[in-house]
Amino acid sequence: MRFQGKLSNWQDDKGFGFVEPNGGGQRCFVHIKSFKQRSRRPIDGDIITYEQIKENNGKFKAVNITLPSDRKRQTKTKSSHKSVSFAGVVAAIFWLSLGALMFLNWLPIEIAYLYVGASVITFFMYVFDKSAAQKGRWRTPESQLHFWSVIGGWPGAHFAQSRLRHKSSKKEFRQVYWATIVINLCAFSWLLTDQGQALLGTLLIH
């Protein structure tokens, strides 16, 4: 069972203090080592969530402690990972569909060249952008990343996000990224229509 309480009498130099549970209850001893994946050191007055155990001396100790900000960050990270994983499923289905359509001669191989080329370029744009972010250099505009995604590089963008963990947790960026996928897939589907086939024929002849 998890509890929520306020950190009190915290001595940061010694790394311990106590927690007073909200709504009353057993006061627990808190040690810095009992915090899970903390992003910062706790301060007196912090609200924490925790479990409690009874030690051999009869006193209670807080364990598996988290700060609310860390819990929100973990939830956000899990959500972004699910989004990236779903994009991977979409990408896998797309590549299988593209291969089948080329095998059936419904699409020319040049379409595959376009997607592979755009994906490779997009992937390395993510690589350079992450390197620039880490070194404090000039960043690649997000509009350029989205442009390459919408013209066919979105599978490469997915691969970069999943492998590099870059741009995978920024909500606004992910929303636009998914919009580029929808736009591109709509354009891809249009190529299977009579009008799309006619355009491809005209372009490839020239």
Protein backbone atom coordinates (compact mmCIF):
# COMPACT_ATOMS: atom_id res chain seq x y z
CA MET A 1 0.00 0.00 0.00
CA ARG A 2 1.31 3.43 -0.92
CA PHE A 3 1.00 6.53 1.22
CA GLN A 4 1.43 10.23 0.59
CA GLY A 5 2.95 12.61 3.07
CA LYS A 6 5.05 15.67 3.73
CA LEU A 7 8.80 15.45 4.27
CA SER A 8 9.83 17.03 7.56
CA ASN A 9 13.01 17.55 9.58
CA TRP A 10 15.00 16.78 6.46
CA GLN A 11 18.77 17.00 6.98
CA ASP A 12 20.22 17.04 3.51
CA ASP A 13 23.85 16.84 4.65
CA LYS A 14 23.05 13.57 6.44
CA GLY A 15 20.51 12.34 3.91
CA PHE A 16 17.62 11.55 6.20
CA GLY A 17 14.47 12.95 7.78
CA PHE A 18 10.86 11.95 8.44
CA VAL A 19 7.54 11.93 6.64
CA GLU A 20 4.20 12.86 8.16
CA PRO A 21 1.40 11.04 6.26
CA ASN A 22 -1.47 13.12 4.93
CA GLY A 23 -4.62 12.66 7.00
CA GLY A 24 -2.67 11.38 9.99
CA GLY A 25 -0.99 8.09 10.66
CA GLN A 26 2.36 6.58 11.49
CA ARG A 27 5.36 8.88 11.17
CA CYS A 28 8.14 7.18 9.17
CA PHE A 29 11.89 7.51 8.94
CA VAL A 30 13.14 8.55 5.48
CA HIS A 31 16.60 7.88 4.05
CA ILE A 32 17.99 9.25 0.81
CA LYS A 33 18.77 5.72 -0.43
CA SER A 34 15.08 4.82 -0.31
CA PHE A 35 14.20 7.21 -3.16
CA LYS A 36 13.56 5.60 -6.55
CA GLN A 37 15.07 7.23 -9.66
CA ARG A 38 14.99 10.71 -8.19
CA SER A 39 15.71 13.62 -10.54
CA ARG A 40 16.88 15.88 -7.70
CA ARG A 41 17.64 15.80 -4.01
CA PRO A 42 14.58 16.14 -1.78
CA ILE A 43 14.02 19.24 0.32
CA ASP A 44 12.15 19.83 3.54
CA GLY A 45 8.42 20.18 2.87
CA ASP A 46 8.38 18.03 -0.28
CA ILE A 47 5.28 15.90 -0.81
CA ILE A 48 6.33 12.29 -1.41
CA THR A 49 4.62 8.98 -2.04
CA TYR A 50 5.99 5.86 -0.38
CA GLU A 51 5.46 2.44 1.13
CA GLN A 52 6.24 1.71 4.76
CA ILE A 53 7.83 -1.19 6.55
CA LYS A 54 8.20 -1.96 10.23
CA GLU A 55 11.78 -2.52 11.32
CA ASN A 56 13.04 -4.83 14.05
CA ASN A 57 13.14 -1.97 16.58
CA GLY A 58 9.40 -1.44 16.10
CA LYS A 59 9.78 1.84 14.22
CA PHE A 60 8.50 2.48 10.71
CA LYS A 61 10.60 3.31 7.67
CA ALA A 62 9.53 4.71 4.30
CA VAL A 63 10.70 2.76 1.23
CA ASN A 64 10.18 2.94 -2.55
CA ILE A 65 9.85 6.71 -2.27
CA THR A 66 9.05 8.90 -5.26
CA LEU A 67 8.61 12.61 -5.79
CA PRO A 68 5.40 13.60 -7.64
CA SER A 69 7.44 15.28 -10.39
CA ASP A 70 9.35 12.03 -10.97
CA ARG A 71 6.10 10.04 -11.16
CA LYS A 72 4.80 12.45 -13.83
CA ARG A 73 8.05 12.14 -15.75
CA GLN A 74 7.91 8.33 -15.63
CA THR A 75 4.29 8.37 -16.86
CA LYS A 76 5.22 10.72 -19.69
CA THR A 77 8.17 8.52 -20.65
CA LYS A 78 6.00 5.38 -20.71
CA SER A 79 3.42 7.19 -22.84
CA SER A 80 6.05 8.34 -25.33
CA HIS A 81 7.50 4.81 -25.54
CA LYS A 82 4.04 3.42 -26.34
CA SER A 83 3.64 6.03 -29.07
CA VAL A 84 7.03 5.16 -30.56
CA SER A 85 6.20 1.43 -30.42
CA PHE A 86 2.89 1.99 -32.22
CA ALA A 87 4.72 3.96 -34.91
CA GLY A 88 6.98 0.93 -35.32
CA VAL A 89 3.95 -1.28 -35.99
CA VAL A 90 2.67 1.20 -38.56
CA ALA A 91 6.11 1.33 -40.21
CA ALA A 92 6.35 -2.48 -40.36
CA ILE A 93 2.90 -2.78 -41.97
CA PHE A 94 3.83 -0.03 -44.43
CA TRP A 95 7.06 -1.72 -45.57
CA LEU A 96 5.29 -5.06 -46.00
CA SER A 97 2.52 -3.37 -47.99
CA LEU A 98 5.02 -1.50 -50.15
CA GLY A 99 6.89 -4.71 -50.91
CA ALA A 100 3.68 -6.52 -51.82
CA LEU A 101 2.52 -3.71 -54.10
CA MET A 102 5.83 -3.69 -55.95
CA PHE A 103 5.77 -7.48 -56.26
CA LEU A 104 2.32 -7.21 -57.86
CA ASN A 105 3.60 -4.44 -60.16
CA TRP A 106 1.10 -1.96 -58.77
CA LEU A 107 3.88 0.45 -57.84
CA PRO A 108 7.29 1.04 -59.46
CA ILE A 109 10.49 0.39 -57.53
CA GLU A 110 11.27 4.10 -57.69
CA ILE A 111 8.73 4.62 -54.90
CA ALA A 112 10.79 2.35 -52.65
CA TYR A 113 13.91 4.32 -53.59
CA LEU A 114 12.12 7.49 -52.53
CA TYR A 115 11.13 6.13 -49.11
CA VAL A 116 14.49 4.53 -48.41
CA GLY A 117 16.42 7.63 -49.49
CA ALA A 118 14.18 10.03 -47.55
CA SER A 119 14.33 7.78 -44.46
CA VAL A 120 18.13 7.61 -44.51
CA ILE A 121 18.41 11.38 -44.85
CA THR A 122 15.84 11.93 -42.09
CA PHE A 123 17.62 9.51 -39.75
CA PHE A 124 20.93 11.31 -40.10
CA MET A 125 19.22 14.68 -39.64
CA TYR A 126 18.04 13.38 -36.25
CA VAL A 127 21.57 12.15 -35.49
CA PHE A 128 23.06 15.56 -36.25
CA ASP A 129 20.33 17.37 -34.34
CA LYS A 130 20.85 15.27 -31.22
CA SER A 131 24.59 15.80 -31.42
CA ALA A 132 24.03 19.55 -31.78
CA ALA A 133 21.69 19.55 -28.77
CA GLN A 134 24.26 17.77 -26.62
CA LYS A 135 27.10 20.07 -27.70
CA GLY A 136 25.14 23.31 -27.68
CA ARG A 137 25.52 23.91 -31.43
CA TRP A 138 23.03 25.22 -34.00
CA ARG A 139 19.98 22.93 -34.09
CA THR A 140 18.12 21.58 -37.10
CA PRO A 141 14.74 23.37 -37.39
CA GLU A 142 11.84 21.07 -36.56
CA SER A 143 10.13 22.20 -39.74
CA GLN A 144 12.91 20.54 -41.76
CA LEU A 145 12.53 17.28 -39.83
CA HIS A 146 8.80 17.34 -40.51
CA PHE A 147 9.31 18.19 -44.18
CA TRP A 148 11.45 15.12 -44.75
CA SER A 149 9.01 13.06 -42.75
CA VAL A 150 6.02 14.10 -44.85
CA ILE A 151 7.74 13.38 -48.19
CA GLY A 152 8.53 9.82 -47.15
CA GLY A 153 11.14 9.91 -44.41
CA TRP A 154 8.80 9.18 -41.52
CA PRO A 155 9.98 5.54 -41.17
CA GLY A 156 13.53 6.85 -40.75
CA ALA A 157 12.25 9.39 -38.23
CA HIS A 158 10.63 6.58 -36.26
CA PHE A 159 13.86 4.57 -36.28
CA ALA A 160 15.79 7.62 -35.04
CA GLN A 161 13.29 8.37 -32.29
CA SER A 162 13.30 4.79 -31.03
CA ARG A 163 17.07 4.28 -31.25
CA LEU A 164 18.34 7.71 -30.27
CA ARG A 165 15.52 8.62 -27.86
CA HIS A 166 15.47 12.00 -29.59
CA LYS A 167 12.23 13.98 -30.02
CA SER A 168 10.32 10.97 -28.69
CA SER A 169 8.87 12.64 -25.57
CA LYS A 170 8.06 16.14 -26.85
CA LYS A 171 4.27 16.13 -27.13
CA GLU A 172 3.89 18.98 -29.64
CA PHE A 173 6.55 17.53 -31.92
CA ARG A 174 5.00 14.07 -31.78
CA GLN A 175 1.59 15.45 -32.72
CA VAL A 176 2.98 17.09 -35.86
CA TYR A 177 5.03 13.98 -36.60
CA TRP A 178 1.88 11.83 -36.59
CA ALA A 179 0.22 14.39 -38.85
CA THR A 180 3.07 13.96 -41.35
CA ILE A 181 2.53 10.19 -41.29
CA VAL A 182 -1.19 10.57 -41.99
CA ILE A 183 -0.55 13.04 -44.83
CA ASN A 184 2.10 10.82 -46.38
CA LEU A 185 0.00 7.67 -46.15
CA CYS A 186 -2.94 9.49 -47.72
CA ALA A 187 -0.70 10.56 -50.60
CA PHE A 188 0.65 7.01 -50.85
CA SER A 189 -2.89 5.62 -51.04
CA TRP A 190 -3.76 8.16 -53.74
CA LEU A 191 -0.95 6.75 -55.89
CA LEU A 192 -2.97 3.53 -56.11
CA THR A 193 -5.90 5.32 -57.74
CA ASP A 194 -6.28 5.75 -61.49
CA GLN A 195 -5.22 9.39 -61.22
CA GLY A 196 -2.18 8.48 -59.15
CA GLN A 197 -1.17 5.72 -61.54
CA ALA A 198 -1.52 8.13 -64.46
CA LEU A 199 0.71 10.69 -62.72
CA LEU A 200 3.34 8.06 -61.96
CA GLY A 201 3.30 6.95 -65.56
CA THR A 202 3.77 10.50 -66.77
CA LEU A 203 6.62 11.21 -64.34
CA LEU A 204 8.47 7.97 -65.04
CA ILE A 205 8.18 8.38 -68.81
CA HIS A 206 9.85 11.78 -68.52
